Full PDB file with SEQRES, HELIX, SHEET, SSBOND, CRYST1, ORIGX, SCALE, CONECT and MASTER records, all heavy atoms in Angstrom:
SEQRES   1 A   30  ILE ARG VAL TRP ILE ALA GLY LEU LEU LEU ILE SER LEU          
SEQRES   2 A   30  VAL THR GLY CYS GLN THR VAL SER ASN ASP GLN GLU ARG          
SEQRES   3 A   30  GLY LYS ASP TRP                                              
HELIX    1 AA1 ALA A    6  THR A   15  1                                  10    
CRYST1    1.000    1.000    1.000  90.00  90.00  90.00 P 1           1          
ORIGX1      1.000000  0.000000  0.000000        0.00000                         
ORIGX2      0.000000  1.000000  0.000000        0.00000                         
ORIGX3      0.000000  0.000000  1.000000        0.00000                         
SCALE1      1.000000  0.000000  0.000000        0.00000                         
SCALE2      0.000000  1.000000  0.000000        0.00000                         
SCALE3      0.000000  0.000000  1.000000        0.00000                         
ATOM      1  N   ILE A   1      -0.245 -43.114 -15.989  1.00  0.00           N  
ATOM      2  CA  ILE A   1      -0.839 -43.861 -17.008  1.00  0.00           C  
ATOM      3  C   ILE A   1      -2.315 -43.726 -16.896  1.00  0.00           C  
ATOM      4  O   ILE A   1      -2.944 -43.986 -15.781  1.00  0.00           O  
ATOM      5  CB  ILE A   1      -0.461 -45.387 -16.938  1.00  0.00           C  
ATOM      6  CG1 ILE A   1       1.067 -45.470 -17.208  1.00  0.00           C  
ATOM      7  CG2 ILE A   1      -1.261 -46.198 -18.000  1.00  0.00           C  
ATOM      8  CD1 ILE A   1       1.607 -46.837 -17.044  1.00  0.00           C  
ATOM      9  N   ARG A   2      -3.024 -43.431 -17.978  1.00  0.00           N  
ATOM     10  CA  ARG A   2      -4.489 -43.297 -17.917  1.00  0.00           C  
ATOM     11  C   ARG A   2      -5.020 -44.351 -18.834  1.00  0.00           C  
ATOM     12  O   ARG A   2      -4.789 -44.298 -20.118  1.00  0.00           O  
ATOM     13  CB  ARG A   2      -4.941 -41.994 -18.341  1.00  0.00           C  
ATOM     14  CG  ARG A   2      -4.662 -40.905 -17.255  1.00  0.00           C  
ATOM     15  CD  ARG A   2      -5.215 -39.554 -17.722  1.00  0.00           C  
ATOM     16  NE  ARG A   2      -4.395 -39.077 -18.664  1.00  0.00           N  
ATOM     17  CZ  ARG A   2      -4.611 -37.936 -19.347  1.00  0.00           C  
ATOM     18  NH1 ARG A   2      -5.750 -37.290 -19.113  1.00  0.00           N  
ATOM     19  NH2 ARG A   2      -3.764 -37.396 -20.193  1.00  0.00           N  
ATOM     20  N   VAL A   3      -5.728 -45.445 -18.377  1.00  0.00           N  
ATOM     21  CA  VAL A   3      -6.265 -46.362 -19.240  1.00  0.00           C  
ATOM     22  C   VAL A   3      -7.783 -46.142 -19.358  1.00  0.00           C  
ATOM     23  O   VAL A   3      -8.448 -45.990 -18.359  1.00  0.00           O  
ATOM     24  CB  VAL A   3      -6.062 -47.740 -18.694  1.00  0.00           C  
ATOM     25  CG1 VAL A   3      -6.658 -48.806 -19.479  1.00  0.00           C  
ATOM     26  CG2 VAL A   3      -4.580 -47.986 -18.403  1.00  0.00           C  
ATOM     27  N   TRP A   4      -8.189 -45.949 -20.695  1.00  0.00           N  
ATOM     28  CA  TRP A   4      -9.553 -45.658 -20.796  1.00  0.00           C  
ATOM     29  C   TRP A   4     -10.419 -46.908 -20.763  1.00  0.00           C  
ATOM     30  O   TRP A   4     -10.194 -47.892 -21.444  1.00  0.00           O  
ATOM     31  CB  TRP A   4      -9.890 -44.962 -22.288  1.00  0.00           C  
ATOM     32  CG  TRP A   4      -8.908 -43.833 -22.278  1.00  0.00           C  
ATOM     33  CD1 TRP A   4      -7.748 -43.618 -22.826  1.00  0.00           C  
ATOM     34  CD2 TRP A   4      -9.287 -42.509 -21.833  1.00  0.00           C  
ATOM     35  NE1 TRP A   4      -7.273 -42.367 -22.821  1.00  0.00           N  
ATOM     36  CE2 TRP A   4      -8.250 -41.670 -22.128  1.00  0.00           C  
ATOM     37  CE3 TRP A   4     -10.363 -42.000 -21.131  1.00  0.00           C  
ATOM     38  CZ2 TRP A   4      -8.244 -40.263 -21.824  1.00  0.00           C  
ATOM     39  CZ3 TRP A   4     -10.443 -40.653 -20.852  1.00  0.00           C  
ATOM     40  CH2 TRP A   4      -9.342 -39.836 -21.084  1.00  0.00           C  
ATOM     41  N   ILE A   5     -11.413 -46.892 -19.812  1.00  0.00           N  
ATOM     42  CA  ILE A   5     -12.312 -48.112 -19.604  1.00  0.00           C  
ATOM     43  C   ILE A   5     -13.297 -48.130 -20.694  1.00  0.00           C  
ATOM     44  O   ILE A   5     -13.526 -47.131 -21.381  1.00  0.00           O  
ATOM     45  CB  ILE A   5     -12.886 -48.132 -18.222  1.00  0.00           C  
ATOM     46  CG1 ILE A   5     -13.571 -46.828 -17.810  1.00  0.00           C  
ATOM     47  CG2 ILE A   5     -11.702 -48.242 -17.143  1.00  0.00           C  
ATOM     48  CD1 ILE A   5     -14.413 -46.799 -16.672  1.00  0.00           C  
ATOM     49  N   ALA A   6     -14.011 -49.285 -20.770  1.00  0.00           N  
ATOM     50  CA  ALA A   6     -14.989 -49.498 -21.803  1.00  0.00           C  
ATOM     51  C   ALA A   6     -16.053 -48.444 -21.889  1.00  0.00           C  
ATOM     52  O   ALA A   6     -16.583 -47.982 -22.875  1.00  0.00           O  
ATOM     53  CB  ALA A   6     -15.616 -50.908 -21.654  1.00  0.00           C  
ATOM     54  N   GLY A   7     -16.571 -47.935 -20.667  1.00  0.00           N  
ATOM     55  CA  GLY A   7     -17.622 -47.028 -20.661  1.00  0.00           C  
ATOM     56  C   GLY A   7     -17.089 -45.709 -21.210  1.00  0.00           C  
ATOM     57  O   GLY A   7     -17.968 -45.117 -22.074  1.00  0.00           O  
ATOM     58  N   LEU A   8     -15.999 -45.309 -20.910  1.00  0.00           N  
ATOM     59  CA  LEU A   8     -15.440 -44.036 -21.487  1.00  0.00           C  
ATOM     60  C   LEU A   8     -15.228 -44.205 -23.070  1.00  0.00           C  
ATOM     61  O   LEU A   8     -15.444 -43.300 -23.775  1.00  0.00           O  
ATOM     62  CB  LEU A   8     -14.263 -43.612 -20.879  1.00  0.00           C  
ATOM     63  CG  LEU A   8     -14.277 -43.141 -19.441  1.00  0.00           C  
ATOM     64  CD1 LEU A   8     -12.947 -42.796 -18.896  1.00  0.00           C  
ATOM     65  CD2 LEU A   8     -15.162 -41.922 -19.362  1.00  0.00           C  
ATOM     66  N   LEU A   9     -14.851 -45.346 -23.413  1.00  0.00           N  
ATOM     67  CA  LEU A   9     -14.707 -45.651 -24.821  1.00  0.00           C  
ATOM     68  C   LEU A   9     -15.994 -45.516 -25.599  1.00  0.00           C  
ATOM     69  O   LEU A   9     -16.057 -44.950 -26.731  1.00  0.00           O  
ATOM     70  CB  LEU A   9     -14.079 -47.035 -25.135  1.00  0.00           C  
ATOM     71  CG  LEU A   9     -12.606 -47.042 -24.694  1.00  0.00           C  
ATOM     72  CD1 LEU A   9     -12.097 -48.556 -24.871  1.00  0.00           C  
ATOM     73  CD2 LEU A   9     -11.721 -46.182 -25.414  1.00  0.00           C  
ATOM     74  N   LEU A  10     -17.016 -46.007 -24.949  1.00  0.00           N  
ATOM     75  CA  LEU A  10     -18.301 -45.991 -25.628  1.00  0.00           C  
ATOM     76  C   LEU A  10     -18.786 -44.557 -25.765  1.00  0.00           C  
ATOM     77  O   LEU A  10     -19.304 -44.159 -26.774  1.00  0.00           O  
ATOM     78  CB  LEU A  10     -19.334 -46.892 -24.786  1.00  0.00           C  
ATOM     79  CG  LEU A  10     -20.846 -46.875 -25.292  1.00  0.00           C  
ATOM     80  CD1 LEU A  10     -20.771 -47.527 -26.700  1.00  0.00           C  
ATOM     81  CD2 LEU A  10     -21.622 -47.640 -24.447  1.00  0.00           C  
ATOM     82  N   ILE A  11     -18.548 -43.766 -24.661  1.00  0.00           N  
ATOM     83  CA  ILE A  11     -18.975 -42.468 -24.737  1.00  0.00           C  
ATOM     84  C   ILE A  11     -18.197 -41.673 -25.869  1.00  0.00           C  
ATOM     85  O   ILE A  11     -18.743 -40.833 -26.591  1.00  0.00           O  
ATOM     86  CB  ILE A  11     -18.787 -41.689 -23.391  1.00  0.00           C  
ATOM     87  CG1 ILE A  11     -19.792 -42.234 -22.315  1.00  0.00           C  
ATOM     88  CG2 ILE A  11     -18.879 -40.218 -23.448  1.00  0.00           C  
ATOM     89  CD1 ILE A  11     -19.457 -41.902 -20.873  1.00  0.00           C  
ATOM     90  N   SER A  12     -16.933 -41.889 -25.949  1.00  0.00           N  
ATOM     91  CA  SER A  12     -16.122 -41.202 -26.929  1.00  0.00           C  
ATOM     92  C   SER A  12     -16.624 -41.648 -28.382  1.00  0.00           C  
ATOM     93  O   SER A  12     -16.488 -40.793 -29.190  1.00  0.00           O  
ATOM     94  CB  SER A  12     -14.625 -41.499 -26.786  1.00  0.00           C  
ATOM     95  OG  SER A  12     -14.308 -42.834 -27.046  1.00  0.00           O  
ATOM     96  N   LEU A  13     -17.036 -42.935 -28.557  1.00  0.00           N  
ATOM     97  CA  LEU A  13     -17.510 -43.257 -29.871  1.00  0.00           C  
ATOM     98  C   LEU A  13     -18.823 -42.491 -30.140  1.00  0.00           C  
ATOM     99  O   LEU A  13     -19.048 -42.196 -31.194  1.00  0.00           O  
ATOM    100  CB  LEU A  13     -17.670 -44.764 -29.988  1.00  0.00           C  
ATOM    101  CG  LEU A  13     -16.383 -45.591 -29.957  1.00  0.00           C  
ATOM    102  CD1 LEU A  13     -16.638 -46.988 -29.880  1.00  0.00           C  
ATOM    103  CD2 LEU A  13     -15.464 -45.181 -31.167  1.00  0.00           C  
ATOM    104  N   VAL A  14     -19.618 -42.295 -29.220  1.00  0.00           N  
ATOM    105  CA  VAL A  14     -20.930 -41.719 -29.384  1.00  0.00           C  
ATOM    106  C   VAL A  14     -20.642 -40.180 -29.615  1.00  0.00           C  
ATOM    107  O   VAL A  14     -21.275 -39.563 -30.520  1.00  0.00           O  
ATOM    108  CB  VAL A  14     -21.849 -41.977 -28.294  1.00  0.00           C  
ATOM    109  CG1 VAL A  14     -23.185 -41.184 -28.344  1.00  0.00           C  
ATOM    110  CG2 VAL A  14     -22.176 -43.496 -28.177  1.00  0.00           C  
ATOM    111  N   THR A  15     -19.828 -39.552 -28.787  1.00  0.00           N  
ATOM    112  CA  THR A  15     -19.661 -38.090 -28.767  1.00  0.00           C  
ATOM    113  C   THR A  15     -18.359 -37.707 -29.356  1.00  0.00           C  
ATOM    114  O   THR A  15     -17.926 -36.528 -29.286  1.00  0.00           O  
ATOM    115  CB  THR A  15     -19.776 -37.525 -27.377  1.00  0.00           C  
ATOM    116  OG1 THR A  15     -18.773 -38.099 -26.694  1.00  0.00           O  
ATOM    117  CG2 THR A  15     -21.116 -37.916 -26.812  1.00  0.00           C  
ATOM    118  N   GLY A  16     -17.650 -38.670 -29.965  1.00  0.00           N  
ATOM    119  CA  GLY A  16     -16.257 -38.399 -30.322  1.00  0.00           C  
ATOM    120  C   GLY A  16     -15.904 -37.587 -31.512  1.00  0.00           C  
ATOM    121  O   GLY A  16     -16.795 -36.758 -32.004  1.00  0.00           O  
ATOM    122  N   CYS A  17     -14.842 -37.834 -32.165  1.00  0.00           N  
ATOM    123  CA  CYS A  17     -14.261 -36.936 -33.136  1.00  0.00           C  
ATOM    124  C   CYS A  17     -14.892 -37.041 -34.441  1.00  0.00           C  
ATOM    125  O   CYS A  17     -14.756 -36.135 -35.207  1.00  0.00           O  
ATOM    126  CB  CYS A  17     -12.794 -37.231 -33.210  1.00  0.00           C  
ATOM    127  SG  CYS A  17     -11.899 -36.930 -31.700  1.00  0.00           S  
ATOM    128  N   GLN A  18     -15.647 -38.054 -34.629  1.00  0.00           N  
ATOM    129  CA  GLN A  18     -16.240 -38.270 -36.100  1.00  0.00           C  
ATOM    130  C   GLN A  18     -17.372 -37.209 -36.227  1.00  0.00           C  
ATOM    131  O   GLN A  18     -17.609 -36.689 -37.399  1.00  0.00           O  
ATOM    132  CB  GLN A  18     -16.788 -39.578 -36.361  1.00  0.00           C  
ATOM    133  CG  GLN A  18     -15.773 -40.646 -36.536  1.00  0.00           C  
ATOM    134  CD  GLN A  18     -16.310 -41.903 -36.873  1.00  0.00           C  
ATOM    135  OE1 GLN A  18     -17.316 -42.417 -36.322  1.00  0.00           O  
ATOM    136  NE2 GLN A  18     -15.693 -42.540 -37.829  1.00  0.00           N  
ATOM    137  N   THR A  19     -18.064 -36.829 -35.216  1.00  0.00           N  
ATOM    138  CA  THR A  19     -19.151 -35.965 -35.245  1.00  0.00           C  
ATOM    139  C   THR A  19     -18.711 -34.586 -35.193  1.00  0.00           C  
ATOM    140  O   THR A  19     -18.207 -34.005 -34.096  1.00  0.00           O  
ATOM    141  CB  THR A  19     -20.163 -36.182 -34.141  1.00  0.00           C  
ATOM    142  OG1 THR A  19     -20.530 -37.576 -34.091  1.00  0.00           O  
ATOM    143  CG2 THR A  19     -21.401 -35.303 -34.113  1.00  0.00           C  
ATOM    144  N   VAL A  20     -18.646 -33.834 -36.356  1.00  0.00           N  
ATOM    145  CA  VAL A  20     -18.266 -32.500 -36.299  1.00  0.00           C  
ATOM    146  C   VAL A  20     -19.543 -31.558 -36.392  1.00  0.00           C  
ATOM    147  O   VAL A  20     -20.202 -31.620 -37.508  1.00  0.00           O  
ATOM    148  CB  VAL A  20     -17.344 -32.194 -37.450  1.00  0.00           C  
ATOM    149  CG1 VAL A  20     -16.873 -30.715 -37.506  1.00  0.00           C  
ATOM    150  CG2 VAL A  20     -16.030 -32.983 -37.363  1.00  0.00           C  
ATOM    151  N   SER A  21     -19.743 -30.880 -35.331  1.00  0.00           N  
ATOM    152  CA  SER A  21     -21.087 -29.942 -35.493  1.00  0.00           C  
ATOM    153  C   SER A  21     -20.563 -28.549 -35.772  1.00  0.00           C  
ATOM    154  O   SER A  21     -19.400 -28.229 -35.882  1.00  0.00           O  
ATOM    155  CB  SER A  21     -21.692 -30.045 -34.024  1.00  0.00           C  
ATOM    156  OG  SER A  21     -20.832 -29.467 -33.120  1.00  0.00           O  
ATOM    157  N   ASN A  22     -21.495 -27.754 -35.925  1.00  0.00           N  
ATOM    158  CA  ASN A  22     -21.296 -26.329 -36.327  1.00  0.00           C  
ATOM    159  C   ASN A  22     -20.523 -25.549 -35.308  1.00  0.00           C  
ATOM    160  O   ASN A  22     -19.632 -24.739 -35.596  1.00  0.00           O  
ATOM    161  CB  ASN A  22     -22.590 -25.581 -36.625  1.00  0.00           C  
ATOM    162  CG  ASN A  22     -23.269 -26.047 -37.882  1.00  0.00           C  
ATOM    163  OD1 ASN A  22     -22.547 -26.623 -38.784  1.00  0.00           O  
ATOM    164  ND2 ASN A  22     -24.502 -25.819 -37.923  1.00  0.00           N  
ATOM    165  N   ASP A  23     -20.769 -25.915 -34.015  1.00  0.00           N  
ATOM    166  CA  ASP A  23     -20.148 -25.183 -32.912  1.00  0.00           C  
ATOM    167  C   ASP A  23     -18.780 -25.919 -32.488  1.00  0.00           C  
ATOM    168  O   ASP A  23     -18.121 -25.442 -31.590  1.00  0.00           O  
ATOM    169  CB  ASP A  23     -20.969 -25.002 -31.707  1.00  0.00           C  
ATOM    170  CG  ASP A  23     -21.535 -26.341 -31.135  1.00  0.00           C  
ATOM    171  OD1 ASP A  23     -21.493 -27.311 -31.890  1.00  0.00           O  
ATOM    172  OD2 ASP A  23     -22.056 -26.245 -29.988  1.00  0.00           O  
ATOM    173  N   GLN A  24     -18.450 -26.977 -33.038  1.00  0.00           N  
ATOM    174  CA  GLN A  24     -17.230 -27.670 -32.734  1.00  0.00           C  
ATOM    175  C   GLN A  24     -16.653 -28.304 -33.970  1.00  0.00           C  
ATOM    176  O   GLN A  24     -16.508 -29.512 -34.159  1.00  0.00           O  
ATOM    177  CB  GLN A  24     -17.589 -28.822 -31.588  1.00  0.00           C  
ATOM    178  CG  GLN A  24     -16.287 -29.357 -30.962  1.00  0.00           C  
ATOM    179  CD  GLN A  24     -16.752 -30.362 -29.815  1.00  0.00           C  
ATOM    180  OE1 GLN A  24     -17.782 -30.983 -29.889  1.00  0.00           O  
ATOM    181  NE2 GLN A  24     -15.833 -30.528 -28.953  1.00  0.00           N  
ATOM    182  N   GLU A  25     -15.954 -27.469 -34.701  1.00  0.00           N  
ATOM    183  CA  GLU A  25     -15.337 -27.891 -35.923  1.00  0.00           C  
ATOM    184  C   GLU A  25     -13.967 -28.471 -35.724  1.00  0.00           C  
ATOM    185  O   GLU A  25     -13.383 -28.080 -34.649  1.00  0.00           O  
ATOM    186  CB  GLU A  25     -15.328 -26.727 -36.937  1.00  0.00           C  
ATOM    187  CG  GLU A  25     -16.676 -26.365 -37.440  1.00  0.00           C  
ATOM    188  CD  GLU A  25     -16.668 -25.204 -38.520  1.00  0.00           C  
ATOM    189  OE1 GLU A  25     -15.604 -25.086 -39.101  1.00  0.00           O  
ATOM    190  OE2 GLU A  25     -17.625 -24.624 -38.722  1.00  0.00           O  
ATOM    191  N   ARG A  26     -13.498 -29.159 -36.705  1.00  0.00           N  
ATOM    192  CA  ARG A  26     -12.091 -29.693 -36.527  1.00  0.00           C  
ATOM    193  C   ARG A  26     -11.168 -28.606 -36.458  1.00  0.00           C  
ATOM    194  O   ARG A  26     -11.285 -27.612 -37.309  1.00  0.00           O  
ATOM    195  CB  ARG A  26     -11.871 -30.702 -37.751  1.00  0.00           C  
ATOM    196  CG  ARG A  26     -10.442 -31.161 -37.711  1.00  0.00           C  
ATOM    197  CD  ARG A  26     -10.221 -32.032 -38.795  1.00  0.00           C  
ATOM    198  NE  ARG A  26      -8.821 -32.452 -38.872  1.00  0.00           N  
ATOM    199  CZ  ARG A  26      -8.260 -33.543 -39.343  1.00  0.00           C  
ATOM    200  NH1 ARG A  26      -9.153 -34.451 -39.731  1.00  0.00           N  
ATOM    201  NH2 ARG A  26      -7.191 -33.944 -39.355  1.00  0.00           N  
ATOM    202  N   GLY A  27     -10.358 -28.647 -35.428  1.00  0.00           N  
ATOM    203  CA  GLY A  27      -9.288 -27.594 -35.332  1.00  0.00           C  
ATOM    204  C   GLY A  27      -7.996 -27.984 -35.915  1.00  0.00           C  
ATOM    205  O   GLY A  27      -7.921 -28.740 -36.922  1.00  0.00           O  
ATOM    206  N   LYS A  28      -6.945 -27.357 -35.433  1.00  0.00           N  
ATOM    207  CA  LYS A  28      -5.687 -27.602 -36.061  1.00  0.00           C  
ATOM    208  C   LYS A  28      -5.165 -28.985 -35.841  1.00  0.00           C  
ATOM    209  O   LYS A  28      -5.382 -29.670 -34.929  1.00  0.00           O  
ATOM    210  CB  LYS A  28      -4.667 -26.641 -35.509  1.00  0.00           C  
ATOM    211  CG  LYS A  28      -4.225 -26.825 -34.069  1.00  0.00           C  
ATOM    212  CD  LYS A  28      -3.007 -26.011 -33.676  1.00  0.00           C  
ATOM    213  CE  LYS A  28      -2.507 -26.502 -32.263  1.00  0.00           C  
ATOM    214  NZ  LYS A  28      -1.240 -26.056 -32.011  1.00  0.00           N  
ATOM    215  N   ASP A  29      -4.274 -29.435 -36.868  1.00  0.00           N  
ATOM    216  CA  ASP A  29      -3.621 -30.681 -36.718  1.00  0.00           C  
ATOM    217  C   ASP A  29      -2.462 -30.496 -35.846  1.00  0.00           C  
ATOM    218  O   ASP A  29      -1.933 -29.532 -35.671  1.00  0.00           O  
ATOM    219  CB  ASP A  29      -3.057 -31.196 -38.225  1.00  0.00           C  
ATOM    220  CG  ASP A  29      -4.261 -31.562 -39.114  1.00  0.00           C  
ATOM    221  OD1 ASP A  29      -5.288 -32.070 -38.665  1.00  0.00           O  
ATOM    222  OD2 ASP A  29      -4.040 -31.437 -40.327  1.00  0.00           O  
ATOM    223  N   TRP A  30      -2.219 -31.602 -35.097  1.00  0.00           N  
ATOM    224  CA  TRP A  30      -1.131 -31.582 -34.133  1.00  0.00           C  
ATOM    225  C   TRP A  30       0.110 -32.293 -34.649  1.00  0.00           C  
ATOM    226  O   TRP A  30      -0.096 -33.339 -35.385  1.00  0.00           O  
ATOM    227  CB  TRP A  30      -1.587 -32.251 -32.846  1.00  0.00           C  
ATOM    228  CG  TRP A  30      -2.252 -31.362 -31.859  1.00  0.00           C  
ATOM    229  CD1 TRP A  30      -3.179 -30.525 -32.172  1.00  0.00           C  
ATOM    230  CD2 TRP A  30      -2.008 -31.284 -30.484  1.00  0.00           C  
ATOM    231  NE1 TRP A  30      -3.676 -29.807 -31.023  1.00  0.00           N  
ATOM    232  CE2 TRP A  30      -2.947 -30.291 -29.976  1.00  0.00           C  
ATOM    233  CE3 TRP A  30      -1.168 -31.894 -29.548  1.00  0.00           C  
ATOM    234  CZ2 TRP A  30      -2.973 -29.903 -28.720  1.00  0.00           C  
ATOM    235  CZ3 TRP A  30      -1.265 -31.526 -28.239  1.00  0.00           C  
ATOM    236  CH2 TRP A  30      -2.121 -30.538 -27.845  1.00  0.00           C  
TER     237      TRP A  30                                                      
MASTER        0    0    0    1    0    0    0    6  236    1    0    3          
END                                                                             
């Protein structure tokens, strides 16, 4: 079990999936 702690959550919100840059576009749906 991996529980994401608050610090990692904050990082994921800042660098997470909402930000799609030119070099990291949304890939395939799972």
